[in-house]
């Protein structure tokens, strides 16, 4: 179902899946170009959750999807506040919420009062900045002789264009200290793809769609992850 939510910056679109009762997973896509590569997969995952009786929402973040707000006007905090507004809306409906963060989407759920957080291959803001820096270094529009990360962030008063997207110094600098929420006493499940050496509660076989040149899908992986989420949510309720 197509819905919307309101936040301090305006109104954004939101897809809703699953039953109209019970807890709700609030999904956050990766930032920037990875969202385009993973959106179809995440929709497949949320539909798989609906088949298991679990509700979810996929909000368009400000500056992404169908949003009319330039991402150059945003920071990590403003994006987190938008997701907090989604959670407040769902809480007002009498629904408990859980966060579902994919990659850098896991950086955005720290403002909301969720019952727990389930993260797939989360990255820190510093890791995302390094990826953006590598892209920036390949661009012809980069100022001659400028190569440092600070030059990318602060080298000009105008937003820096990376892979066709204008990003402000405020947005880029807000990434530098951003990290996935992980506080004692609040359930968090960390899942990564097999072969990833970083700490995880579970490794699963699947394709890193965010590393592909074009958008893709992996229904088998979506089904495995939906089973994992369903089992984890039962432990949170125990």
C-alpha atoms as a PDB file:
ATOM      1  CA  UNK A   1       0.000   0.000   0.000  1.00  0.00           C
ATOM      2  CA  UNK A   2       1.238   3.502  -0.827  1.00  0.00           C
ATOM      3  CA  UNK A   3       1.174   5.860   2.145  1.00  0.00           C
ATOM      4  CA  UNK A   4       3.051   8.945   3.318  1.00  0.00           C
ATOM      5  CA  UNK A   5       4.592  10.414   6.438  1.00  0.00           C
ATOM      6  CA  UNK A   6       5.187  13.954   7.627  1.00  0.00           C
ATOM      7  CA  UNK A   7       8.385  15.236   9.170  1.00  0.00           C
ATOM      8  CA  UNK A   8       9.806  18.660   9.975  1.00  0.00           C
ATOM      9  CA  UNK A   9      10.959  19.100   6.378  1.00  0.00           C
ATOM     10  CA  UNK A  10       7.668  18.225   4.684  1.00  0.00           C
ATOM     11  CA  UNK A  11       5.922  15.088   3.443  1.00  0.00           C
ATOM     12  CA  UNK A  12       7.464  11.967   1.897  1.00  0.00           C
ATOM     13  CA  UNK A  13       6.099   8.781   0.346  1.00  0.00           C
ATOM     14  CA  UNK A  14       6.093   5.455   2.165  1.00  0.00           C
ATOM     15  CA  UNK A  15       5.255   1.883   1.133  1.00  0.00           C
ATOM     16  CA  UNK A  16       3.478  -0.371   3.630  1.00  0.00           C
ATOM     17  CA  UNK A  17       3.550  -4.166   3.630  1.00  0.00           C
ATOM     18  CA  UNK A  18       1.907  -6.885   5.667  1.00  0.00           C
ATOM     19  CA  UNK A  19      -0.830  -6.926   8.302  1.00  0.00           C
ATOM     20  CA  UNK A  20      -2.402  -3.830   9.877  1.00  0.00           C
ATOM     21  CA  UNK A  21      -1.651  -5.058  13.386  1.00  0.00           C
ATOM     22  CA  UNK A  22       1.380  -6.154  15.368  1.00  0.00           C
ATOM     23  CA  UNK A  23       4.939  -4.809  15.318  1.00  0.00           C
ATOM     24  CA  UNK A  24       6.350  -3.036  12.265  1.00  0.00           C
ATOM     25  CA  UNK A  25       9.818  -3.189  10.731  1.00  0.00           C
ATOM     26  CA  UNK A  26      10.930   0.297   9.605  1.00  0.00           C
ATOM     27  CA  UNK A  27      13.314  -0.267   6.698  1.00  0.00           C
ATOM     28  CA  UNK A  28      16.093   2.146   5.757  1.00  0.00           C
ATOM     29  CA  UNK A  29      17.789   1.757   2.394  1.00  0.00           C
ATOM     30  CA  UNK A  30      21.474   2.550   1.922  1.00  0.00           C
ATOM     31  CA  UNK A  31      22.354   6.145   1.197  1.00  0.00           C
ATOM     32  CA  UNK A  32      23.091   7.536  -2.247  1.00  0.00           C
ATOM     33  CA  UNK A  33      23.668   5.222  -5.209  1.00  0.00           C
ATOM     34  CA  UNK A  34      23.465   1.974  -3.214  1.00  0.00           C
ATOM     35  CA  UNK A  35      19.766   2.607  -2.578  1.00  0.00           C
ATOM     36  CA  UNK A  36      19.068   2.355  -6.302  1.00  0.00           C
ATOM     37  CA  UNK A  37      20.937  -0.940  -6.457  1.00  0.00           C
ATOM     38  CA  UNK A  38      19.141  -2.482  -3.489  1.00  0.00           C
ATOM     39  CA  UNK A  39      15.581  -1.115  -3.515  1.00  0.00           C
ATOM     40  CA  UNK A  40      14.116  -4.018  -5.523  1.00  0.00           C
ATOM     41  CA  UNK A  41      15.796  -6.505  -3.206  1.00  0.00           C
ATOM     42  CA  UNK A  42      14.533  -4.769  -0.070  1.00  0.00           C
ATOM     43  CA  UNK A  43      10.972  -4.705  -1.448  1.00  0.00           C
ATOM     44  CA  UNK A  44      11.321  -8.458  -2.068  1.00  0.00           C
ATOM     45  CA  UNK A  45      12.502  -8.891   1.534  1.00  0.00           C
ATOM     46  CA  UNK A  46       9.584  -6.883   2.940  1.00  0.00           C
ATOM     47  CA  UNK A  47       7.112  -8.894   0.870  1.00  0.00           C
ATOM     48  CA  UNK A  48       8.694 -12.067   2.242  1.00  0.00           C
ATOM     49  CA  UNK A  49       8.192 -10.697   5.764  1.00  0.00           C
ATOM     50  CA  UNK A  50       4.533 -10.021   4.954  1.00  0.00           C
ATOM     51  CA  UNK A  51       4.155 -13.676   3.922  1.00  0.00           C
ATOM     52  CA  UNK A  52       5.421 -14.539   7.402  1.00  0.00           C
ATOM     53  CA  UNK A  53       2.863 -12.259   9.053  1.00  0.00           C
ATOM     54  CA  UNK A  54       5.260  -9.389   9.780  1.00  0.00           C
ATOM     55  CA  UNK A  55       4.383  -5.816   8.839  1.00  0.00           C
ATOM     56  CA  UNK A  56       6.906  -3.326   7.505  1.00  0.00           C
ATOM     57  CA  UNK A  57       7.243   0.106   5.948  1.00  0.00           C
ATOM     58  CA  UNK A  58       9.726   1.453   3.405  1.00  0.00           C
ATOM     59  CA  UNK A  59       9.829   5.249   3.687  1.00  0.00           C
ATOM     60  CA  UNK A  60      11.386   7.413   1.019  1.00  0.00           C
ATOM     61  CA  UNK A  61      14.119   9.270   2.849  1.00  0.00           C
ATOM     62  CA  UNK A  62      14.380  13.011   2.215  1.00  0.00           C
ATOM     63  CA  UNK A  63      16.691  13.526  -0.736  1.00  0.00           C
ATOM     64  CA  UNK A  64      16.178   9.981  -2.064  1.00  0.00           C
ATOM     65  CA  UNK A  65      13.571   8.090  -4.043  1.00  0.00           C
ATOM     66  CA  UNK A  66      10.689  10.386  -5.025  1.00  0.00           C
ATOM     67  CA  UNK A  67      11.635  13.078  -2.518  1.00  0.00           C
ATOM     68  CA  UNK A  68      11.826  16.637  -3.868  1.00  0.00           C
ATOM     69  CA  UNK A  69      14.329  17.782  -1.231  1.00  0.00           C
ATOM     70  CA  UNK A  70      17.916  18.177  -2.493  1.00  0.00           C
ATOM     71  CA  UNK A  71      20.200  15.863  -0.566  1.00  0.00           C
ATOM     72  CA  UNK A  72      22.689  18.745  -0.405  1.00  0.00           C
ATOM     73  CA  UNK A  73      20.284  20.373   2.110  1.00  0.00           C
ATOM     74  CA  UNK A  74      20.484  17.410   4.512  1.00  0.00           C
ATOM     75  CA  UNK A  75      22.683  15.909   7.211  1.00  0.00           C
ATOM     76  CA  UNK A  76      22.704  12.483   8.845  1.00  0.00           C
ATOM     77  CA  UNK A  77      20.785  13.981  11.781  1.00  0.00           C
ATOM     78  CA  UNK A  78      18.011  15.350   9.559  1.00  0.00           C
ATOM     79  CA  UNK A  79      17.655  11.967   7.853  1.00  0.00           C
ATOM     80  CA  UNK A  80      17.506  10.265  11.253  1.00  0.00           C
ATOM     81  CA  UNK A  81      14.843  12.748  12.354  1.00  0.00           C
ATOM     82  CA  UNK A  82      12.745  11.856   9.322  1.00  0.00           C
ATOM     83  CA  UNK A  83      12.908   8.164  10.251  1.00  0.00           C
ATOM     84  CA  UNK A  84      12.059   9.106  13.826  1.00  0.00           C
ATOM     85  CA  UNK A  85       8.908  10.810  12.496  1.00  0.00           C
ATOM     86  CA  UNK A  86       7.925   7.545  10.789  1.00  0.00           C
ATOM     87  CA  UNK A  87       8.319   5.715  14.093  1.00  0.00           C
ATOM     88  CA  UNK A  88       6.291   8.330  15.995  1.00  0.00           C
ATOM     89  CA  UNK A  89       3.520   7.973  13.405  1.00  0.00           C
ATOM     90  CA  UNK A  90       3.465   4.175  13.824  1.00  0.00           C
ATOM     91  CA  UNK A  91       3.594   4.416  17.622  1.00  0.00           C
ATOM     92  CA  UNK A  92       0.559   6.727  17.469  1.00  0.00           C
ATOM     93  CA  UNK A  93      -1.233   3.914  15.657  1.00  0.00           C
ATOM     94  CA  UNK A  94      -0.460   1.646  18.618  1.00  0.00           C
ATOM     95  CA  UNK A  95       2.296  -0.274  16.824  1.00  0.00           C
ATOM     96  CA  UNK A  96       5.669  -1.277  18.234  1.00  0.00           C
ATOM     97  CA  UNK A  97       8.570  -0.749  15.830  1.00  0.00           C
ATOM     98  CA  UNK A  98      11.843  -2.422  14.932  1.00  0.00           C
ATOM     99  CA  UNK A  99      14.538  -0.980  12.665  1.00  0.00           C
ATOM    100  CA  UNK A 100      15.753  -2.771   9.560  1.00  0.00           C
ATOM    101  CA  UNK A 101      18.912  -1.098   8.290  1.00  0.00           C
ATOM    102  CA  UNK A 102      20.721  -2.071   5.090  1.00  0.00           C
ATOM    103  CA  UNK A 103      24.352  -0.958   4.754  1.00  0.00           C
ATOM    104  CA  UNK A 104      24.522   2.797   5.491  1.00  0.00           C
ATOM    105  CA  UNK A 105      20.800   2.763   6.247  1.00  0.00           C
ATOM    106  CA  UNK A 106      21.913   1.394   9.627  1.00  0.00           C
ATOM    107  CA  UNK A 107      23.337   4.853  10.417  1.00  0.00           C
ATOM    108  CA  UNK A 108      19.906   6.457  10.530  1.00  0.00           C
ATOM    109  CA  UNK A 109      17.877   4.680  13.222  1.00  0.00           C
ATOM    110  CA  UNK A 110      19.542   6.163  16.311  1.00  0.00           C
ATOM    111  CA  UNK A 111      16.908   8.840  17.029  1.00  0.00           C
ATOM    112  CA  UNK A 112      13.889   6.522  17.045  1.00  0.00           C
ATOM    113  CA  UNK A 113      12.743   4.516  20.067  1.00  0.00           C
ATOM    114  CA  UNK A 114      12.715   1.062  18.487  1.00  0.00           C
ATOM    115  CA  UNK A 115      12.268  -2.244  20.302  1.00  0.00           C
ATOM    116  CA  UNK A 116      15.317  -3.584  18.477  1.00  0.00           C
ATOM    117  CA  UNK A 117      17.487  -3.204  15.406  1.00  0.00           C
ATOM    118  CA  UNK A 118      18.303  -5.697  12.659  1.00  0.00           C
ATOM    119  CA  UNK A 119      21.208  -4.646  10.432  1.00  0.00           C
ATOM    120  CA  UNK A 120      22.461  -6.212   7.195  1.00  0.00           C
ATOM    121  CA  UNK A 121      26.129  -5.548   6.358  1.00  0.00           C
ATOM    122  CA  UNK A 122      26.169  -2.207   8.183  1.00  0.00           C
ATOM    123  CA  UNK A 123      28.921   0.310   7.454  1.00  0.00           C
ATOM    124  CA  UNK A 124      30.157   3.317   9.368  1.00  0.00           C
ATOM    125  CA  UNK A 125      29.960   6.832   8.014  1.00  0.00           C
ATOM    126  CA  UNK A 126      33.760   6.857   7.732  1.00  0.00           C
ATOM    127  CA  UNK A 127      33.616   3.778   5.471  1.00  0.00           C
ATOM    128  CA  UNK A 128      31.023   5.442   3.255  1.00  0.00           C
ATOM    129  CA  UNK A 129      33.158   8.584   3.085  1.00  0.00           C
ATOM    130  CA  UNK A 130      36.136   6.512   1.916  1.00  0.00           C
ATOM    131  CA  UNK A 131      34.005   5.011  -0.868  1.00  0.00           C
ATOM    132  CA  UNK A 132      32.848   8.490  -1.908  1.00  0.00           C
ATOM    133  CA  UNK A 133      36.419   9.749  -1.790  1.00  0.00           C
ATOM    134  CA  UNK A 134      37.564   7.004  -4.170  1.00  0.00           C
ATOM    135  CA  UNK A 135      34.842   7.993  -6.647  1.00  0.00           C
ATOM    136  CA  UNK A 136      35.702  11.672  -6.265  1.00  0.00           C
ATOM    137  CA  UNK A 137      39.367  10.989  -7.066  1.00  0.00           C
ATOM    138  CA  UNK A 138      38.383   9.552 -10.461  1.00  0.00           C
ATOM    139  CA  UNK A 139      36.335  12.578 -11.522  1.00  0.00           C
ATOM    140  CA  UNK A 140      37.598  15.067 -14.062  1.00  0.00           C
ATOM    141  CA  UNK A 141      35.840  17.945 -12.244  1.00  0.00           C
ATOM    142  CA  UNK A 142      38.004  17.462  -9.164  1.00  0.00           C
ATOM    143  CA  UNK A 143      40.301  20.493  -8.560  1.00  0.00           C
ATOM    144  CA  UNK A 144      43.764  19.798  -9.944  1.00  0.00           C
ATOM    145  CA  UNK A 145      46.210  18.613  -7.318  1.00  0.00           C
ATOM    146  CA  UNK A 146      43.591  18.170  -4.600  1.00  0.00           C
ATOM    147  CA  UNK A 147      43.426  14.576  -3.354  1.00  0.00           C
ATOM    148  CA  UNK A 148      42.763  14.518   0.387  1.00  0.00           C
ATOM    149  CA  UNK A 149      39.488  13.640   2.066  1.00  0.00           C
ATOM    150  CA  UNK A 150      39.415  17.092   3.671  1.00  0.00           C
ATOM    151  CA  UNK A 151      39.791  18.670   0.226  1.00  0.00           C
ATOM    152  CA  UNK A 152      36.738  16.734  -0.930  1.00  0.00           C
ATOM    153  CA  UNK A 153      34.656  17.818   2.070  1.00  0.00           C
ATOM    154  CA  UNK A 154      35.821  21.379   2.670  1.00  0.00           C
ATOM    155  CA  UNK A 155      37.599  22.386  -0.523  1.00  0.00           C
ATOM    156  CA  UNK A 156      34.804  24.547  -1.912  1.00  0.00           C
ATOM    157  CA  UNK A 157      31.906  26.633  -0.623  1.00  0.00           C
ATOM    158  CA  UNK A 158      29.634  24.931  -3.157  1.00  0.00           C
ATOM    159  CA  UNK A 159      28.354  21.348  -2.795  1.00  0.00           C
ATOM    160  CA  UNK A 160      30.748  18.767  -4.234  1.00  0.00           C
ATOM    161  CA  UNK A 161      29.319  16.647  -7.039  1.00  0.00           C
ATOM    162  CA  UNK A 162      30.104  12.946  -6.658  1.00  0.00           C
ATOM    163  CA  UNK A 163      28.739  10.484  -9.218  1.00  0.00           C
ATOM    164  CA  UNK A 164      26.211  13.083 -10.311  1.00  0.00           C
ATOM    165  CA  UNK A 165      24.946  13.888  -6.802  1.00  0.00           C
ATOM    166  CA  UNK A 166      25.579  17.250  -5.135  1.00  0.00           C
ATOM    167  CA  UNK A 167      26.671  16.761  -1.511  1.00  0.00           C
ATOM    168  CA  UNK A 168      27.296  19.595   0.932  1.00  0.00           C
ATOM    169  CA  UNK A 169      30.169  19.855   3.373  1.00  0.00           C
ATOM    170  CA  UNK A 170      27.588  19.639   6.187  1.00  0.00           C
ATOM    171  CA  UNK A 171      26.290  16.330   4.836  1.00  0.00           C
ATOM    172  CA  UNK A 172      29.746  14.859   4.256  1.00  0.00           C
ATOM    173  CA  UNK A 173      31.150  15.989   7.604  1.00  0.00           C
ATOM    174  CA  UNK A 174      28.101  14.596   9.407  1.00  0.00           C
ATOM    175  CA  UNK A 175      29.017  11.191   8.010  1.00  0.00           C
ATOM    176  CA  UNK A 176      32.491  11.237   9.526  1.00  0.00           C
ATOM    177  CA  UNK A 177      31.373  10.343  13.059  1.00  0.00           C
ATOM    178  CA  UNK A 178      28.246   8.367  12.162  1.00  0.00           C
ATOM    179  CA  UNK A 179      28.070   4.757  13.330  1.00  0.00           C
ATOM    180  CA  UNK A 180      25.318   2.132  13.598  1.00  0.00           C
ATOM    181  CA  UNK A 181      23.341   2.276  16.834  1.00  0.00           C
ATOM    182  CA  UNK A 182      24.525  -0.330  19.333  1.00  0.00           C
ATOM    183  CA  UNK A 183      23.600   0.371  22.943  1.00  0.00           C
ATOM    184  CA  UNK A 184      23.491  -2.111  25.850  1.00  0.00           C
ATOM    185  CA  UNK A 185      20.064  -3.440  26.725  1.00  0.00           C
ATOM    186  CA  UNK A 186      18.494  -2.854  23.298  1.00  0.00           C
ATOM    187  CA  UNK A 187      18.354  -5.920  21.026  1.00  0.00           C
ATOM    188  CA  UNK A 188      20.488  -5.758  17.894  1.00  0.00           C
ATOM    189  CA  UNK A 189      20.999  -8.469  15.292  1.00  0.00           C
ATOM    190  CA  UNK A 190      23.963  -8.092  12.931  1.00  0.00           C
ATOM    191  CA  UNK A 191      23.938 -10.187   9.746  1.00  0.00           C
ATOM    192  CA  UNK A 192      26.610 -10.172   7.051  1.00  0.00           C
ATOM    193  CA  UNK A 193      27.232 -12.046   3.833  1.00  0.00           C
ATOM    194  CA  UNK A 194      29.475 -15.107   3.859  1.00  0.00           C
ATOM    195  CA  UNK A 195      33.097 -14.152   3.326  1.00  0.00           C
ATOM    196  CA  UNK A 196      32.825 -10.865   5.230  1.00  0.00           C
ATOM    197  CA  UNK A 197      35.441 -11.114   8.017  1.00  0.00           C
ATOM    198  CA  UNK A 198      33.876  -8.475  10.266  1.00  0.00           C
ATOM    199  CA  UNK A 199      31.950  -9.445  13.429  1.00  0.00           C
ATOM    200  CA  UNK A 200      28.418 -10.743  12.878  1.00  0.00           C
ATOM    201  CA  UNK A 201      25.728 -12.737  14.644  1.00  0.00           C
ATOM    202  CA  UNK A 202      25.217 -14.724  11.443  1.00  0.00           C
ATOM    203  CA  UNK A 203      26.777 -15.102   8.009  1.00  0.00           C
ATOM    204  CA  UNK A 204      24.497 -15.938   5.068  1.00  0.00           C
ATOM    205  CA  UNK A 205      25.203 -16.923   1.487  1.00  0.00           C
ATOM    206  CA  UNK A 206      24.213 -14.259  -1.014  1.00  0.00           C
ATOM    207  CA  UNK A 207      25.285 -11.676  -3.576  1.00  0.00           C
ATOM    208  CA  UNK A 208      26.473  -8.200  -2.534  1.00  0.00           C
ATOM    209  CA  UNK A 209      23.988  -6.370  -4.750  1.00  0.00           C
ATOM    210  CA  UNK A 210      25.332  -2.996  -3.630  1.00  0.00           C
ATOM    211  CA  UNK A 211      28.622  -3.774  -5.388  1.00  0.00           C
ATOM    212  CA  UNK A 212      27.040  -4.475  -8.766  1.00  0.00           C
ATOM    213  CA  UNK A 213      27.010  -1.929 -11.574  1.00  0.00           C
ATOM    214  CA  UNK A 214      23.244  -2.295 -12.090  1.00  0.00           C
ATOM    215  CA  UNK A 215      20.280  -2.932  -9.759  1.00  0.00           C
ATOM    216  CA  UNK A 216      19.604  -6.604  -9.077  1.00  0.00           C
ATOM    217  CA  UNK A 217      17.664  -8.990  -6.881  1.00  0.00           C
ATOM    218  CA  UNK A 218      18.233 -12.185  -4.891  1.00  0.00           C
ATOM    219  CA  UNK A 219      14.880 -13.734  -3.838  1.00  0.00           C
ATOM    220  CA  UNK A 220      16.588 -16.722  -2.191  1.00  0.00           C
ATOM    221  CA  UNK A 221      18.645 -14.404   0.030  1.00  0.00           C
ATOM    222  CA  UNK A 222      15.526 -12.358   0.805  1.00  0.00           C
ATOM    223  CA  UNK A 223      13.748 -15.524   1.974  1.00  0.00           C
ATOM    224  CA  UNK A 224      16.676 -16.524   4.209  1.00  0.00           C
ATOM    225  CA  UNK A 225      16.826 -13.073   5.742  1.00  0.00           C
ATOM    226  CA  UNK A 226      13.061 -12.957   6.281  1.00  0.00           C
ATOM    227  CA  UNK A 227      13.307 -16.252   8.199  1.00  0.00           C
ATOM    228  CA  UNK A 228      16.141 -14.807  10.285  1.00  0.00           C
ATOM    229  CA  UNK A 229      14.200 -11.632  11.071  1.00  0.00           C
ATOM    230  CA  UNK A 230      11.060 -13.577  11.998  1.00  0.00           C
ATOM    231  CA  UNK A 231      13.003 -15.844  14.380  1.00  0.00           C
ATOM    232  CA  UNK A 232      14.890 -12.895  15.903  1.00  0.00           C
ATOM    233  CA  UNK A 233      11.711 -10.899  16.539  1.00  0.00           C
ATOM    234  CA  UNK A 234      10.308 -13.839  18.506  1.00  0.00           C
ATOM    235  CA  UNK A 235      13.336 -13.754  20.799  1.00  0.00           C
ATOM    236  CA  UNK A 236      12.824 -10.008  21.323  1.00  0.00           C
ATOM    237  CA  UNK A 237       9.248 -10.644  22.426  1.00  0.00           C
ATOM    238  CA  UNK A 238      10.222 -13.489  24.778  1.00  0.00           C
END
